[in-house]
């Protein structure tokens, strides 16, 4: 069976640890489901007519999402091919709870995961956590992320995927 989960992200490499941890737990529990993963960030599209007319999702992603993020989620996808059907990056641009509730219903999202240590600020981003917590149609889980002291390899991408 295919289920859809939402991962609240700010498109930083550190936020992919939420996805990694969720998939690791589902793999350990020998989950039979496949998942469509929505990596979603809140984005304030502004109210300028120019911004609304000429900003596309790809231009927003070029501003918000670094190339390393795409490389990193492909690594995670390749590690758990039996769990992941597809990974989709998206932005939520609404500003009302009912808009978020409709987004959840339309996308068929059943579970949401977030971490309070991920701060979505700057570049027009806003935090999705309050919307997730208030959505009654959604099972939401907070994932705690720990920071490692000593790392076996150097490099930003390697540091994210070093095992705890």
Protein backbone atom coordinates (compact mmCIF):
# COMPACT_ATOMS: atom_id res chain seq x y z
CA UNK A 1 0.00 0.00 0.00
CA UNK A 2 1.26 3.49 -0.80
CA UNK A 3 0.98 6.18 1.86
CA UNK A 4 1.96 9.83 1.77
CA UNK A 5 4.03 11.46 4.49
CA UNK A 6 5.05 15.08 4.95
CA UNK A 7 8.47 16.09 6.24
CA UNK A 8 8.68 19.72 7.34
CA UNK A 9 11.98 21.05 6.04
CA UNK A 10 13.88 24.25 5.49
CA UNK A 11 15.85 22.62 2.65
CA UNK A 12 19.00 22.43 4.73
CA UNK A 13 21.03 19.22 4.75
CA UNK A 14 20.41 18.90 8.48
CA UNK A 15 16.66 18.68 7.91
CA UNK A 16 17.15 15.49 5.89
CA UNK A 17 18.08 13.76 9.12
CA UNK A 18 14.35 13.76 9.88
CA UNK A 19 13.67 11.74 6.73
CA UNK A 20 16.63 9.48 7.41
CA UNK A 21 15.48 8.78 10.96
CA UNK A 22 11.85 8.11 9.94
CA UNK A 23 12.89 5.69 7.20
CA UNK A 24 15.35 3.96 9.51
CA UNK A 25 12.55 3.34 12.04
CA UNK A 26 10.14 2.11 9.36
CA UNK A 27 12.82 -0.19 7.98
CA UNK A 28 13.55 -1.58 11.47
CA UNK A 29 9.85 -2.30 12.01
CA UNK A 30 9.78 -4.12 8.63
CA UNK A 31 7.06 -1.84 7.31
CA UNK A 32 5.42 -3.26 4.16
CA UNK A 33 4.15 0.12 2.89
CA UNK A 34 5.73 2.29 0.25
CA UNK A 35 5.80 6.03 0.84
CA UNK A 36 5.39 9.12 -1.24
CA UNK A 37 7.50 11.62 0.68
CA UNK A 38 6.63 15.32 0.49
CA UNK A 39 9.50 17.53 1.64
CA UNK A 40 7.62 20.75 2.34
CA UNK A 41 8.70 24.19 3.45
CA UNK A 42 6.51 27.17 4.18
CA UNK A 43 7.12 30.00 1.73
CA UNK A 44 5.66 33.50 1.80
CA UNK A 45 5.03 34.31 -1.86
CA UNK A 46 4.47 37.98 -1.01
CA UNK A 47 1.68 40.18 -2.20
CA UNK A 48 3.44 42.02 -5.00
CA UNK A 49 1.77 41.44 -8.36
CA UNK A 50 5.19 41.19 -9.99
CA UNK A 51 6.25 38.43 -7.56
CA UNK A 52 2.99 36.55 -7.95
CA UNK A 53 3.08 36.68 -11.76
CA UNK A 54 6.72 35.98 -12.43
CA UNK A 55 7.82 33.62 -9.66
CA UNK A 56 7.49 29.96 -10.57
CA UNK A 57 8.08 26.95 -8.35
CA UNK A 58 11.40 26.34 -10.07
CA UNK A 59 12.58 29.90 -9.40
CA UNK A 60 11.51 29.55 -5.76
CA UNK A 61 13.36 26.22 -5.47
CA UNK A 62 16.47 27.76 -7.07
CA UNK A 63 16.40 30.33 -4.28
CA UNK A 64 15.58 27.97 -1.38
CA UNK A 65 17.05 24.56 -2.19
CA UNK A 66 20.80 24.02 -2.62
CA UNK A 67 22.09 21.37 -5.04
CA UNK A 68 23.60 19.41 -2.14
CA UNK A 69 20.08 18.93 -0.76
CA UNK A 70 18.96 17.19 -3.97
CA UNK A 71 22.08 15.01 -3.97
CA UNK A 72 21.51 14.09 -0.34
CA UNK A 73 17.87 13.07 -0.70
CA UNK A 74 18.83 10.93 -3.70
CA UNK A 75 21.30 9.12 -1.42
CA UNK A 76 18.53 8.50 1.12
CA UNK A 77 16.18 7.35 -1.66
CA UNK A 78 18.78 4.89 -2.92
CA UNK A 79 19.35 3.53 0.58
CA UNK A 80 15.65 2.70 1.11
CA UNK A 81 14.27 1.87 -2.36
CA UNK A 82 11.79 -0.62 -0.92
CA UNK A 83 10.21 2.09 1.28
CA UNK A 84 10.21 5.11 -1.04
CA UNK A 85 7.92 5.30 -4.04
CA UNK A 86 8.84 8.92 -4.80
CA UNK A 87 10.18 12.05 -3.13
CA UNK A 88 8.63 15.39 -4.01
CA UNK A 89 9.87 18.82 -2.93
CA UNK A 90 7.11 21.36 -2.44
CA UNK A 91 6.33 24.70 -0.83
CA UNK A 92 3.22 25.63 1.08
CA UNK A 93 2.31 29.24 0.32
CA UNK A 94 -0.93 29.62 2.27
CA UNK A 95 -1.36 31.66 5.41
CA UNK A 96 -4.47 30.09 6.96
CA UNK A 97 -4.98 26.84 8.84
CA UNK A 98 -7.88 25.79 6.61
CA UNK A 99 -5.65 26.22 3.56
CA UNK A 100 -3.10 23.87 5.11
CA UNK A 101 -5.87 21.40 6.03
CA UNK A 102 -7.03 21.42 2.40
CA UNK A 103 -3.44 20.88 1.23
CA UNK A 104 -3.21 17.84 3.51
CA UNK A 105 -6.52 16.46 2.22
CA UNK A 106 -5.74 17.05 -1.47
CA UNK A 107 -2.27 15.48 -1.24
CA UNK A 108 -3.60 12.54 0.81
CA UNK A 109 -1.06 13.05 3.58
CA UNK A 110 -1.53 10.68 6.52
CA UNK A 111 1.55 11.40 8.66
CA UNK A 112 3.76 14.43 9.26
CA UNK A 113 7.20 14.62 10.84
CA UNK A 114 9.01 17.71 12.05
CA UNK A 115 11.79 18.80 14.37
CA UNK A 116 11.67 21.88 16.54
CA UNK A 117 15.44 22.26 16.04
CA UNK A 118 14.92 23.07 12.34
CA UNK A 119 14.24 26.79 12.05
CA UNK A 120 12.68 27.89 8.78
CA UNK A 121 13.55 31.55 8.59
CA UNK A 122 14.96 33.85 5.93
CA UNK A 123 14.51 33.89 2.14
CA UNK A 124 10.73 34.12 2.59
CA UNK A 125 10.49 30.83 4.49
CA UNK A 126 8.17 30.33 7.45
CA UNK A 127 7.74 27.54 9.97
CA UNK A 128 5.13 24.85 9.16
CA UNK A 129 5.13 23.30 12.64
CA UNK A 130 2.17 25.31 14.03
CA UNK A 131 0.06 24.31 11.01
CA UNK A 132 1.04 20.65 11.40
CA UNK A 133 0.27 20.61 15.11
CA UNK A 134 -3.19 22.17 14.63
CA UNK A 135 -4.25 19.89 11.76
CA UNK A 136 -6.74 17.35 13.15
CA UNK A 137 -6.70 15.10 10.05
CA UNK A 138 -2.98 14.44 10.40
CA UNK A 139 -0.91 12.22 12.68
CA UNK A 140 2.09 14.36 13.55
CA UNK A 141 5.32 13.30 15.23
CA UNK A 142 8.22 15.36 16.51
CA UNK A 143 11.61 13.90 15.69
CA UNK A 144 14.49 14.79 17.97
CA UNK A 145 17.78 15.37 16.22
CA UNK A 146 21.04 14.99 18.09
CA UNK A 147 24.28 16.67 17.09
CA UNK A 148 27.31 14.42 16.77
CA UNK A 149 30.54 15.49 18.43
CA UNK A 150 33.14 13.51 16.49
CA UNK A 151 32.70 12.71 12.84
CA UNK A 152 34.59 10.05 10.89
CA UNK A 153 34.66 12.04 7.64
CA UNK A 154 34.86 15.67 6.76
CA UNK A 155 32.63 17.47 4.32
CA UNK A 156 29.14 18.80 4.71
CA UNK A 157 27.38 15.96 2.88
CA UNK A 158 29.37 13.26 4.70
CA UNK A 159 28.61 14.83 8.08
CA UNK A 160 24.87 14.57 7.51
CA UNK A 161 24.97 10.86 6.77
CA UNK A 162 27.46 9.77 9.42
CA UNK A 163 25.77 7.07 11.52
CA UNK A 164 25.10 7.81 15.17
